[in-house]
Amino acid sequence: MYNCAVKKEKETLLPVVPAKIPLRRRVGWTASERDSVRRGLMMFGLGRSEKIRSSMRSMRKLSRHGLGDIADSSWEFVRCCALLAEPKEKQYAENRLQDAKEHGIEMGK
């Protein structure tokens, strides 16, 4: 049976965290991991790092990369695509990168 008195003794106030802080482990990427990120990016879209990570975990038993690593890799992929894209697609990619920068989204280095 649940004891309310015990619960009150064990309660502690936790600090309020406004948003998830993306974890960046800064470990190297294998070719299959990079491919998994690209596939997840194409499937779920930019800014959906949690879904991409879930997809990676279903394909692989363990992911060494945090959400921040996956987000950084996604933005880097967009940057590379912008370099090689046709003018219309290049403008779209550059607009997305600029919008993210203006909204304070960290995009890695």
Protein backbone atom coordinates (compact mmCIF):
# COMPACT_ATOMS: atom_id res chain seq x y z
CA MET A 1 0.00 0.00 0.00
CA TYR A 2 1.18 3.52 -0.72
CA ASN A 3 2.37 5.52 2.28
CA CYS A 4 1.86 9.29 1.85
CA ALA A 5 4.10 10.15 4.81
CA VAL A 6 7.06 8.36 3.19
CA LYS A 7 6.45 10.17 -0.08
CA LYS A 8 6.54 13.59 1.59
CA GLU A 9 9.85 12.80 3.25
CA LYS A 10 11.44 11.73 -0.03
CA GLU A 11 10.17 14.62 -2.16
CA THR A 12 12.80 17.04 -3.34
CA LEU A 13 12.43 19.98 -5.65
CA LEU A 14 14.03 19.51 -9.03
CA PRO A 15 15.33 22.46 -11.01
CA VAL A 16 13.05 23.58 -13.82
CA VAL A 17 14.64 22.96 -17.20
CA PRO A 18 13.04 25.03 -19.97
CA ALA A 19 13.99 22.66 -22.81
CA LYS A 20 16.03 19.59 -23.52
CA ILE A 21 19.70 20.33 -23.86
CA PRO A 22 20.92 18.26 -26.78
CA LEU A 23 23.67 15.85 -25.87
CA ARG A 24 26.80 16.07 -27.95
CA ARG A 25 29.25 13.23 -27.50
CA ARG A 26 31.53 14.32 -30.34
CA VAL A 27 32.46 10.82 -31.41
CA GLY A 28 33.28 9.82 -34.97
CA TRP A 29 30.66 8.58 -37.41
CA THR A 30 30.83 5.30 -39.30
CA ALA A 31 29.61 5.15 -42.89
CA SER A 32 26.49 3.19 -41.86
CA GLU A 33 25.69 5.75 -39.12
CA ARG A 34 25.97 8.62 -41.61
CA ASP A 35 23.71 6.73 -43.98
CA SER A 36 21.19 6.17 -41.17
CA VAL A 37 21.13 9.90 -40.40
CA ARG A 38 20.61 10.76 -44.08
CA ARG A 39 17.78 8.25 -44.39
CA GLY A 40 16.15 9.53 -41.20
CA LEU A 41 16.53 13.10 -42.38
CA MET A 42 14.85 12.30 -45.67
CA MET A 43 12.11 10.32 -43.94
CA PHE A 44 11.28 12.63 -41.00
CA GLY A 45 12.65 16.02 -42.04
CA LEU A 46 14.96 18.62 -40.58
CA GLY A 47 14.62 19.35 -36.88
CA ARG A 48 13.29 15.93 -35.93
CA SER A 49 16.40 14.56 -34.25
CA GLU A 50 14.48 12.40 -31.76
CA LYS A 51 12.66 10.53 -34.52
CA ILE A 52 15.89 10.14 -36.48
CA ARG A 53 17.63 8.74 -33.39
CA SER A 54 14.74 6.32 -32.79
CA SER A 55 15.00 5.18 -36.38
CA MET A 56 18.76 4.71 -36.00
CA ARG A 57 18.24 2.66 -32.84
CA SER A 58 15.75 0.38 -34.56
CA MET A 59 18.29 -0.32 -37.32
CA ARG A 60 21.24 -0.60 -34.97
CA LYS A 61 21.30 -2.03 -31.46
CA LEU A 62 22.99 0.95 -29.87
CA SER A 63 23.59 4.52 -30.97
CA ARG A 64 26.70 6.23 -29.67
CA HIS A 65 25.44 9.65 -30.71
CA GLY A 66 23.31 12.07 -28.73
CA LEU A 67 20.54 14.28 -30.10
CA GLY A 68 22.95 17.17 -30.54
CA ASP A 69 25.28 15.02 -32.65
CA ILE A 70 22.38 13.94 -34.85
CA ALA A 71 21.14 17.53 -35.22
CA ASP A 72 24.65 18.74 -36.10
CA SER A 73 25.00 16.01 -38.69
CA SER A 74 21.61 16.89 -40.19
CA TRP A 75 22.49 20.57 -40.54
CA GLU A 76 25.88 19.67 -42.03
CA PHE A 77 24.09 17.51 -44.60
CA VAL A 78 21.86 20.47 -45.53
CA ARG A 79 24.94 22.72 -45.86
CA CYS A 80 26.60 20.20 -48.19
CA CYS A 81 23.44 19.80 -50.26
CA ALA A 82 23.22 23.58 -50.65
CA LEU A 83 26.71 23.64 -52.16
CA LEU A 84 25.79 21.14 -54.88
CA ALA A 85 22.13 21.98 -55.49
CA GLU A 86 20.47 23.76 -58.36
CA PRO A 87 19.68 27.44 -57.71
CA LYS A 88 16.08 26.92 -56.51
CA GLU A 89 17.02 24.14 -54.06
CA LYS A 90 20.15 26.01 -53.01
CA GLN A 91 18.07 29.06 -52.08
CA TYR A 92 15.65 26.88 -50.09
CA ALA A 93 18.50 25.24 -48.12
CA GLU A 94 20.16 28.60 -47.46
CA ASN A 95 16.82 30.02 -46.24
CA ARG A 96 16.36 27.09 -43.83
CA LEU A 97 19.89 27.57 -42.50
CA GLN A 98 19.32 31.31 -42.05
CA ASP A 99 15.95 30.78 -40.34
CA ALA A 100 17.51 28.31 -37.92
CA LYS A 101 20.32 30.72 -37.14
CA GLU A 102 17.85 33.56 -36.48
CA HIS A 103 15.83 31.32 -34.14
CA GLY A 104 18.94 30.45 -32.15
CA ILE A 105 19.08 26.81 -33.20
CA GLU A 106 22.53 25.48 -32.57
CA MET A 107 23.85 23.85 -35.72
CA GLY A 108 27.26 22.62 -34.66
CA LYS A 109 30.46 23.66 -36.30
